[in-house]
Every structure is written in structure tokens, then in C-alpha cells.
Amino acid sequence: MRTPIAWLNLTHEKTRLLVAIAGVAFAVILVFMNLGFLGSLAKTAAMVYGQIDADVFLISPQSLEISTTKPFPIERIYQAAGVSGVERAMPLYVGYLQWRNPETQLNRAIFVYGINPEDPVFIMPDLKNPENLAALRRPDTALIDRLSRPEFGPQTVGTTTEAERRKVTIGGQFLMGGGFASDGTLIMSDQNFRRYLDPFPLSLINLGLIKLKPGANAEQIAAELKQTLPPDVAVYTQEEIIARDRDYWISATSTGFIFSMGVAVSCVVGVVIVYQILYTDISDHMKQYATLKAMGYRSRFLFGVVLQEAIILAVLGYIPGFAVSLGLYELTVRATSGGLPMTMELGRAVFVLALTVMMCSLSALISVRRVISTDPAEVF
């Protein structure tokens, strides 16, 4: 049997091995957390549009994403309704209100959707509840997302507080989640939206929602709408607008840049940690490596030994890093009251494992140069 030189080198100093495993695990955790937050950016973009019962969306070309939309004339959805294959066209109003916590009296920005209570804008079961529909029609009443942060205060049905210095009553609840765009979400009627965001006119809307007839082709109708409607609106299918928002959050915001940079920095940290461990190990066993070299073993063999050590460290460090990351994912979801969709995915787990092996292999490539370039005569 061949002597497991790589394993024996690593286990010769067990304390050093544990430190090395902890270092790799730390880098793995950093990568998993940054990728988790980066993935949440993409998921929150799809999460909102997935709750809207529409196939084609009209939006101002000046809008960046759904929480920063610019208004455009409501006549555009009336024009869109005349296109063959369109079943209905609905307006959607979005904005922010200053919500007062009834207990602490502190104000906090909360995201709000304004809809016509007669329009089936959302597919959420809570919005089909007769009690919630009745509450939407009442003045100075709103529905609140169950996933809104506790900082907004009591959120039970019947709670009365203020929004934009105007009395508001919680008439019901729904389940959506706001992601990175907001810590809390309201849904109210378009008439209430106009009152709270006065002087916002209902003749200007933030999103036009186009529901198509069964069997209609969304791409074809979207292409027709692009030719028909004036240039003050942009037309997207559901897949296109989700991709648009996702690209904005990941590529155009500091949030996406920070998490992307976090992944890169985590890899650098892992490379440095593993390099230091391997370099120290090589220094301690330089005489043994020199002996092997003097016996005729080629540089390829010596590189293979160091590479094996790196792969062993990668696997041993990945296992606890993966386990801890699972716990941190769950902790993050609970800390955000379930509003941040942060889940472990098989593709991500495999990617991070491959990245960890590559990271440690790079460290081996850097550190093994000393063995290859050393003359056995000089060592002895």
C-alpha cells in the first residue's frame, strides 16, 4: 500500500490541522452568506411579480425597479386593453408612507400598493377573502403584510395608528414579503392611496398590468404593444420585467456590488489562509521533501502531495462551513420574519464546494513552488 504522505503531513500537527479546517470553514461560510444574500436579491425581484396576476407589464422607461417607479398616464392601459388577446388591463399604484408605530410613536417608511378593489390584481388567497375585500373598500383602511418588521408596531386587525399624519386602521393581513426594497408592505384601495399620497392623481399610474386571454402569446402581444403605445411606456413580459429588476439589484446597486465583492474577498481570505498553512507545513517538512527529491521523485509527485493536502483541507473545511451556513440561513430568515427568501440550493452547495477546492488548489500551486525550486544539497 502507498503511504498517505499528504494525510500524515496534515495530521502530524493536529492543532494546526484544526486551525486550518476552521480557516477554510470560515471562508466557506463567508462565501455561502454572500451568495445567499445575492440570491435573495434575485428571488425578491421574482417574488413580487409572481404574486401579481398579469402576463404583460407597462412601466415608465425612467423607472429603475418596482419600488422606484415613475408615473405615466392611465390612458396607456386603456389603449392596451384594445389590443386583440388582452382580457383586462389594470392600474397599480406604488409608493412609500410614513407609518407611525402606535406604541413608540416613531415613524418608519412602509411600502404601499394601491389597487382598484374590483380588480383581481394579486393572486394571494388573502386578497380573495371577503373580509379583506370589504376592508379594502373602507376609507382610511389598509391591509398589512404579515412579514412586516416588528418595528412597525402591533399589526393585528383593528389596530389604529397614523400614516402621513392621517388616521389609518389595519383592516386585514396578507402574506407577501418585501425583501430588500422595504421592511413592511401595505395594500389599500386606489382612493385611499390618493388620500394618503395627496396630491397624487389617479390619472397617473406606476404600473400597467395586462392580463391576457387563455392561449394568447405574451411575447407577440408585448411586441405589438411596443409598436402601438407611445415611447413614454416600456412593455415587458413577466419574465422580462423580473430579469430587469434582478439585473438592477445585482448589477446597478451598491447592495449587489457589496455581496459580489464579499464573495471575491472571501475567496482571497481562503486562499491566504490555506497558503499559510501549506507553506508552514512545507517549511516543517522541507528535509523530507528534499529527501524525496534527492531519491529521484519528480516535481509532479511533490506537487501531487501538496495538492492532495489542499483538497483534503478543502473537503474537511467545507463540511462544517456548510453545516454552519445552513444554521445561519435559517437564522437570517427568522430575523427577517420570513421576509428574506434565503434558502440553501443544491447548485449553490455544489458550486461552493468546487470553489473551495479551486481556492485550496490555487494555494497549493503557490506554496509548492518552494519545494520544486529547492536544491536538496542546500537543504542538507
Protein backbone atom coordinates (compact mmCIF):
# COMPACT_ATOMS: atom_id res chain seq x y z
CA MET A 1 0.00 0.00 0.00
CA ARG A 2 1.16 3.53 -0.81
CA THR A 3 1.99 5.70 2.17
CA PRO A 4 -0.62 8.50 2.53
CA ILE A 5 2.03 11.22 2.78
CA ALA A 6 -0.45 14.11 2.40
CA TRP A 7 -2.72 12.86 5.18
CA LEU A 8 0.18 12.09 7.51
CA ASN A 9 1.66 15.54 6.94
CA LEU A 10 -1.62 17.20 7.88
CA THR A 11 -2.33 15.03 10.94
CA HIS A 12 1.22 15.27 12.25
CA GLU A 13 0.25 18.58 13.92
CA LYS A 14 -3.39 18.12 14.90
CA THR A 15 -3.76 21.60 16.35
CA ARG A 16 -2.53 23.13 13.12
CA LEU A 17 -4.95 20.89 11.18
CA LEU A 18 -7.89 22.08 13.28
CA VAL A 19 -6.86 25.70 12.75
CA ALA A 20 -6.61 25.09 9.01
CA ILE A 21 -10.05 23.46 8.90
CA ALA A 22 -11.50 26.38 10.87
CA GLY A 23 -9.92 28.85 8.47
CA VAL A 24 -11.31 27.11 5.40
CA ALA A 25 -14.72 26.75 7.08
CA PHE A 26 -14.72 30.47 7.83
CA ALA A 27 -14.06 31.29 4.18
CA VAL A 28 -16.79 28.84 3.12
CA ILE A 29 -19.28 30.49 5.48
CA LEU A 30 -18.43 33.91 4.09
CA VAL A 31 -18.96 32.69 0.54
CA PHE A 32 -22.24 30.97 1.40
CA MET A 33 -23.63 34.02 3.21
CA ASN A 34 -22.72 36.46 0.45
CA LEU A 35 -24.12 34.14 -2.22
CA GLY A 36 -27.22 33.69 -0.08
CA PHE A 37 -27.85 37.42 0.11
CA LEU A 38 -27.05 37.78 -3.58
CA GLY A 39 -29.55 35.04 -4.37
CA SER A 40 -32.14 36.74 -2.19
CA LEU A 41 -31.83 39.84 -4.35
CA ALA A 42 -32.82 37.80 -7.38
CA LYS A 43 -35.61 35.97 -5.55
CA THR A 44 -37.23 39.10 -4.15
CA ALA A 45 -37.43 40.52 -7.67
CA ALA A 46 -39.37 37.45 -8.81
CA MET A 47 -41.37 37.16 -5.59
CA VAL A 48 -43.43 40.32 -6.06
CA TYR A 49 -44.22 39.82 -9.73
CA GLY A 50 -45.10 36.21 -9.02
CA GLN A 51 -47.94 37.44 -6.79
CA ILE A 52 -49.38 39.75 -9.47
CA ASP A 53 -51.98 38.29 -11.84
CA ALA A 54 -50.62 39.76 -15.07
CA ASP A 55 -48.76 38.50 -18.15
CA VAL A 56 -47.51 41.80 -19.57
CA PHE A 57 -46.39 44.90 -17.66
CA LEU A 58 -46.33 48.56 -18.64
CA ILE A 59 -43.80 50.74 -16.85
CA SER A 60 -42.15 54.09 -17.36
CA PRO A 61 -38.76 53.81 -19.11
CA GLN A 62 -37.38 56.06 -16.35
CA SER A 63 -38.22 53.51 -13.66
CA LEU A 64 -35.39 51.53 -12.11
CA GLU A 65 -37.40 48.80 -10.37
CA ILE A 66 -40.83 48.37 -8.80
CA SER A 67 -40.21 50.43 -5.66
CA THR A 68 -38.84 53.42 -7.61
CA THR A 69 -41.28 53.58 -10.49
CA LYS A 70 -42.16 56.83 -12.27
CA PRO A 71 -45.82 57.58 -13.10
CA PHE A 72 -47.28 57.60 -16.59
CA PRO A 73 -50.79 58.34 -17.95
CA ILE A 74 -53.51 55.82 -17.18
CA GLU A 75 -54.69 56.13 -20.78
CA ARG A 76 -51.91 53.73 -21.76
CA ILE A 77 -53.68 50.75 -20.18
CA TYR A 78 -56.91 51.76 -21.92
CA GLN A 79 -55.03 51.72 -25.19
CA ALA A 80 -53.52 48.34 -24.33
CA ALA A 81 -56.98 46.95 -23.50
CA GLY A 82 -57.97 47.41 -27.14
CA VAL A 83 -55.30 45.04 -28.43
CA SER A 84 -56.53 41.63 -29.54
CA GLY A 85 -55.78 38.92 -26.98
CA VAL A 86 -55.94 41.23 -23.93
CA GLU A 87 -58.50 40.12 -21.35
CA ARG A 88 -58.20 43.07 -18.99
CA ALA A 89 -55.88 45.96 -18.11
CA MET A 90 -55.46 47.11 -14.51
CA PRO A 91 -53.64 50.04 -12.87
CA LEU A 92 -51.26 49.60 -9.97
CA TYR A 93 -50.05 52.45 -7.76
CA VAL A 94 -46.93 52.15 -5.58
CA GLY A 95 -45.23 54.46 -3.13
CA TYR A 96 -43.97 54.92 0.44
CA LEU A 97 -45.81 56.20 3.50
CA GLN A 98 -44.54 57.27 6.88
CA TRP A 99 -46.14 54.76 9.25
CA ARG A 100 -46.32 55.61 12.94
CA ASN A 101 -45.73 52.88 15.46
CA PRO A 102 -48.74 53.23 17.81
CA GLU A 103 -46.64 52.14 20.80
CA THR A 104 -43.36 54.04 20.34
CA GLN A 105 -44.81 56.88 18.21
CA LEU A 106 -41.81 56.56 15.88
CA ASN A 107 -42.30 56.96 12.13
CA ARG A 108 -40.93 54.45 9.66
CA ALA A 109 -41.23 54.23 5.87
CA ILE A 110 -43.54 51.47 4.69
CA PHE A 111 -44.13 50.39 1.08
CA VAL A 112 -47.71 50.60 -0.18
CA TYR A 113 -49.64 49.25 -3.17
CA GLY A 114 -52.79 51.00 -4.33
CA ILE A 115 -55.31 48.94 -6.32
CA ASN A 116 -58.88 49.14 -7.50
CA PRO A 117 -60.75 46.74 -5.16
CA GLU A 118 -62.70 45.48 -8.18
CA ASP A 119 -59.52 44.39 -9.99
CA PRO A 120 -58.03 40.94 -9.25
CA VAL A 121 -54.51 42.37 -9.15
CA PHE A 122 -52.97 39.86 -6.75
CA ILE A 123 -53.29 36.09 -6.74
CA MET A 124 -52.71 35.78 -2.99
CA PRO A 125 -55.54 33.84 -1.25
CA ASP A 126 -55.76 36.56 1.42
CA LEU A 127 -56.82 39.08 -1.24
CA LYS A 128 -59.78 36.87 -2.15
CA ASN A 129 -61.03 36.80 1.43
CA PRO A 130 -64.43 38.61 1.57
CA GLU A 131 -63.49 40.32 4.83
CA ASN A 132 -60.27 41.69 3.35
CA LEU A 133 -62.06 42.81 0.19
CA ALA A 134 -64.64 44.61 2.31
CA ALA A 135 -61.86 46.24 4.36
CA LEU A 136 -60.18 47.49 1.16
CA ARG A 137 -63.32 49.41 0.25
CA ARG A 138 -63.50 51.21 3.59
CA PRO A 139 -61.92 54.69 3.84
CA ASP A 140 -58.70 55.11 5.85
CA THR A 141 -58.16 51.34 5.94
CA ALA A 142 -55.28 49.19 4.73
CA LEU A 143 -54.16 45.58 4.70
CA ILE A 144 -50.71 44.86 6.14
CA ASP A 145 -48.18 42.18 5.24
CA ARG A 146 -47.72 39.58 7.99
CA LEU A 147 -43.99 39.63 7.22
CA SER A 148 -43.65 43.33 8.04
CA ARG A 149 -40.97 44.11 10.61
CA PRO A 150 -41.97 44.32 14.31
CA GLU A 151 -40.66 47.91 14.32
CA PHE A 152 -43.97 48.97 12.76
CA GLY A 153 -45.72 48.08 15.99
CA PRO A 154 -48.85 45.97 16.60
CA GLN A 155 -50.23 44.62 13.34
CA THR A 156 -53.40 42.92 14.50
CA VAL A 157 -56.65 43.56 12.66
CA GLY A 158 -58.40 46.61 14.08
CA THR A 159 -55.22 48.40 15.20
CA THR A 160 -55.46 52.15 14.58
CA THR A 161 -52.48 54.43 14.04
CA GLU A 162 -51.32 57.17 11.65
CA ALA A 163 -49.84 57.20 8.17
CA GLU A 164 -48.68 60.53 6.77
CA ARG A 165 -50.38 62.19 9.79
CA ARG A 166 -53.72 60.70 8.80
CA LYS A 167 -55.65 58.07 10.75
CA VAL A 168 -55.39 54.55 9.37
CA THR A 169 -56.86 51.25 10.52
CA ILE A 170 -55.49 47.79 9.81
CA GLY A 171 -58.42 46.03 8.18
CA GLY A 172 -56.72 42.72 7.40
CA GLN A 173 -53.49 40.88 6.67
CA PHE A 174 -51.82 39.15 3.74
CA LEU A 175 -48.59 37.26 3.10
CA MET A 176 -46.05 38.60 0.61
CA GLY A 177 -42.69 39.82 1.95
CA GLY A 178 -40.85 42.96 0.93
CA GLY A 179 -37.28 41.74 0.53
CA PHE A 180 -34.60 44.42 0.24
CA ALA A 181 -36.94 47.12 -1.06
CA SER A 182 -38.94 47.55 2.14
CA ASP A 183 -39.31 46.36 5.72
CA GLY A 184 -43.11 46.34 5.53
CA THR A 185 -45.87 46.42 2.95
CA LEU A 186 -49.44 47.74 2.79
CA ILE A 187 -52.20 47.24 0.26
CA MET A 188 -55.02 49.78 0.10
CA SER A 189 -57.64 50.93 -2.36
CA ASP A 190 -56.73 53.43 -5.05
CA GLN A 191 -58.98 56.01 -3.38
CA ASN A 192 -57.19 55.61 -0.06
CA PHE A 193 -53.84 55.70 -1.89
CA ARG A 194 -54.83 59.05 -3.38
CA ARG A 195 -55.81 60.39 0.05
CA TYR A 196 -52.60 59.38 1.80
CA LEU A 197 -50.28 60.39 -1.02
CA ASP A 198 -52.19 63.57 -1.86
CA PRO A 199 -51.84 65.28 -4.31
CA PHE A 200 -51.07 62.09 -6.29
CA PRO A 201 -53.73 61.91 -9.06
CA LEU A 202 -55.26 58.60 -10.07
CA SER A 203 -54.84 59.62 -13.70
CA LEU A 204 -51.14 58.76 -13.29
CA ILE A 205 -50.20 55.15 -12.55
CA ASN A 206 -46.96 53.39 -11.68
CA LEU A 207 -47.57 50.05 -13.37
CA GLY A 208 -49.97 48.85 -16.02
CA LEU A 209 -50.99 45.21 -15.58
CA ILE A 210 -52.13 43.37 -18.70
CA LYS A 211 -53.88 40.03 -18.25
CA LEU A 212 -54.12 38.02 -21.46
CA LYS A 213 -56.83 35.69 -22.66
CA PRO A 214 -56.13 31.96 -22.36
CA GLY A 215 -53.88 30.78 -25.17
CA ALA A 216 -52.61 34.25 -26.05
CA ASN A 217 -48.89 34.60 -26.70
CA ALA A 218 -47.33 37.07 -24.27
CA GLU A 219 -44.26 37.75 -26.43
CA GLN A 220 -46.34 38.53 -29.51
CA ILE A 221 -48.75 40.83 -27.67
CA ALA A 222 -45.86 42.56 -25.92
CA ALA A 223 -44.22 43.18 -29.30
CA GLU A 224 -47.50 44.59 -30.66
CA LEU A 225 -47.90 46.85 -27.63
CA LYS A 226 -44.36 48.17 -28.11
CA GLN A 227 -45.30 49.25 -31.63
CA THR A 228 -48.71 50.62 -30.63
CA LEU A 229 -48.02 52.56 -27.44
CA PRO A 230 -46.13 55.87 -27.22
CA PRO A 231 -42.49 55.90 -26.03
CA ASP A 232 -43.47 57.14 -22.55
CA VAL A 233 -44.08 53.50 -21.52
CA ALA A 234 -41.94 50.37 -21.77
CA VAL A 235 -43.52 46.96 -22.28
CA TYR A 236 -42.25 43.78 -20.65
CA THR A 237 -43.45 40.22 -20.25
CA GLN A 238 -43.39 38.84 -16.72
CA GLU A 239 -40.08 37.04 -17.33
CA GLU A 240 -38.52 40.16 -18.82
CA ILE A 241 -39.52 42.52 -16.01
CA ILE A 242 -38.32 40.02 -13.39
CA ALA A 243 -34.96 39.81 -15.18
CA ARG A 244 -34.88 43.62 -15.42
CA ASP A 245 -35.39 44.10 -11.68
CA ARG A 246 -32.97 41.30 -10.85
CA ASP A 247 -30.24 42.80 -13.01
CA TYR A 248 -30.83 46.19 -11.43
CA TRP A 249 -30.45 44.90 -7.87
CA ILE A 250 -27.41 42.76 -8.66
CA SER A 251 -25.56 44.96 -11.17
CA ALA A 252 -26.64 48.54 -10.58
CA THR A 253 -26.98 48.85 -6.80
CA SER A 254 -24.37 49.04 -4.07
CA THR A 255 -26.13 46.12 -2.36
CA GLY A 256 -25.40 43.76 -5.23
CA PHE A 257 -21.84 45.08 -5.54
CA ILE A 258 -21.17 44.58 -1.82
CA PHE A 259 -22.32 40.96 -1.85
CA SER A 260 -20.47 40.20 -5.09
CA MET A 261 -17.33 41.78 -3.66
CA GLY A 262 -17.90 39.80 -0.47
CA VAL A 263 -17.68 36.54 -2.44
CA ALA A 264 -14.40 37.64 -4.04
CA VAL A 265 -12.91 38.77 -0.72
CA SER A 266 -13.98 35.51 0.93
CA CYS A 267 -12.10 33.55 -1.74
CA VAL A 268 -9.00 35.67 -1.21
CA VAL A 269 -9.22 35.08 2.55
CA GLY A 270 -9.49 31.35 1.96
CA VAL A 271 -6.52 31.31 -0.42
CA VAL A 272 -4.35 33.23 2.06
CA ILE A 273 -5.32 31.01 4.99
CA VAL A 274 -4.67 27.76 3.14
CA TYR A 275 -1.44 29.14 1.67
CA GLN A 276 -0.12 29.98 5.11
CA ILE A 277 -0.98 26.52 6.41
CA LEU A 278 0.58 24.72 3.45
CA TYR A 279 3.63 26.96 3.40
CA THR A 280 4.25 26.31 7.09
CA ASP A 281 3.76 22.59 6.56
CA ILE A 282 6.20 22.60 3.65
CA SER A 283 8.76 24.51 5.73
CA ASP A 284 8.47 21.99 8.56
CA HIS A 285 8.85 19.03 6.18
CA MET A 286 11.41 20.56 3.84
CA LYS A 287 14.01 17.90 4.66
CA GLN A 288 11.55 15.13 3.85
CA TYR A 289 10.61 16.78 0.55
CA ALA A 290 14.31 17.30 -0.23
CA THR A 291 14.99 13.63 0.51
CA LEU A 292 12.24 12.54 -1.86
CA LYS A 293 13.62 14.87 -4.50
CA ALA A 294 17.13 13.50 -3.99
CA MET A 295 15.77 9.97 -4.34
CA GLY A 296 14.54 10.84 -7.79
CA TYR A 297 10.91 11.76 -7.23
CA ARG A 298 9.88 14.36 -9.77
CA SER A 299 8.31 17.72 -9.15
CA ARG A 300 4.97 16.34 -10.39
CA PHE A 301 4.90 13.87 -7.49
CA LEU A 302 5.75 16.55 -4.92
CA PHE A 303 3.12 18.84 -6.36
CA GLY A 304 0.62 15.98 -6.14
CA VAL A 305 1.33 15.56 -2.43
CA VAL A 306 0.75 19.24 -1.69
CA LEU A 307 -2.34 19.27 -3.91
CA GLN A 308 -3.75 16.30 -2.02
CA GLU A 309 -3.24 18.20 1.23
CA ALA A 310 -5.10 21.17 -0.24
CA ILE A 311 -8.03 19.03 -1.39
CA ILE A 312 -8.24 17.30 2.00
CA LEU A 313 -8.33 20.71 3.70
CA ALA A 314 -10.99 21.87 1.25
CA VAL A 315 -13.29 18.94 1.98
CA LEU A 316 -12.70 18.95 5.74
CA GLY A 317 -13.28 22.70 5.89
CA TYR A 318 -16.32 22.61 3.61
CA ILE A 319 -18.31 20.19 5.78
CA PRO A 320 -18.50 22.35 8.96
CA GLY A 321 -18.77 25.51 6.83
CA PHE A 322 -21.80 24.07 5.03
CA ALA A 323 -23.42 22.97 8.30
CA VAL A 324 -22.94 26.36 9.96
CA SER A 325 -24.22 28.15 6.84
CA LEU A 326 -27.45 26.15 6.98
CA GLY A 327 -28.00 27.39 10.51
CA LEU A 328 -27.17 30.97 9.58
CA TYR A 329 -29.59 30.83 6.64
CA GLU A 330 -32.37 29.73 8.97
CA LEU A 331 -31.39 32.41 11.49
CA THR A 332 -31.49 35.08 8.77
CA VAL A 333 -34.97 34.02 7.66
CA ARG A 334 -36.23 34.16 11.24
CA ALA A 335 -34.55 37.51 11.91
CA THR A 336 -36.34 38.99 8.89
CA SER A 337 -39.64 37.37 9.93
CA GLY A 338 -39.51 35.22 6.80
CA GLY A 339 -39.36 38.26 4.53
CA LEU A 340 -35.96 37.38 3.07
CA PRO A 341 -36.09 34.23 0.88
CA MET A 342 -32.71 32.81 1.85
CA THR A 343 -32.55 29.07 1.25
CA MET A 344 -29.77 26.61 0.51
CA GLU A 345 -29.84 25.35 -3.06
CA LEU A 346 -28.15 22.25 -4.46
CA GLY A 347 -26.49 24.22 -7.25
CA ARG A 348 -25.05 26.71 -4.78
CA ALA A 349 -23.78 23.94 -2.48
CA VAL A 350 -22.01 22.20 -5.37
CA PHE A 351 -20.63 25.50 -6.68
CA VAL A 352 -19.17 26.47 -3.30
CA LEU A 353 -17.61 23.01 -2.92
CA ALA A 354 -15.97 23.35 -6.33
CA LEU A 355 -14.92 26.90 -5.50
CA THR A 356 -13.39 25.73 -2.21
CA VAL A 357 -11.39 23.01 -3.98
CA MET A 358 -10.19 25.53 -6.58
CA MET A 359 -9.32 28.01 -3.85
CA CYS A 360 -7.24 25.48 -1.94
CA SER A 361 -5.65 24.15 -5.15
CA LEU A 362 -4.53 27.67 -6.00
CA SER A 363 -2.92 27.92 -2.58
CA ALA A 364 -1.15 24.62 -3.24
CA LEU A 365 0.10 25.86 -6.59
CA ILE A 366 1.55 28.97 -4.97
CA SER A 367 3.10 27.28 -1.94
CA VAL A 368 4.61 24.26 -3.76
CA ARG A 369 6.97 26.46 -5.76
CA ARG A 370 9.39 26.46 -2.85
CA VAL A 371 9.63 22.66 -2.91
CA ILE A 372 10.14 22.50 -6.66
CA SER A 373 12.80 25.23 -6.74
CA THR A 374 14.77 23.97 -3.72
CA ASP A 375 18.08 22.16 -4.25
CA PRO A 376 18.38 19.13 -1.88
CA ALA A 377 22.08 19.91 -1.40
CA GLU A 378 21.23 23.31 0.02
CA VAL A 379 18.71 21.84 2.49
CA PHE A 380 21.25 19.41 3.95
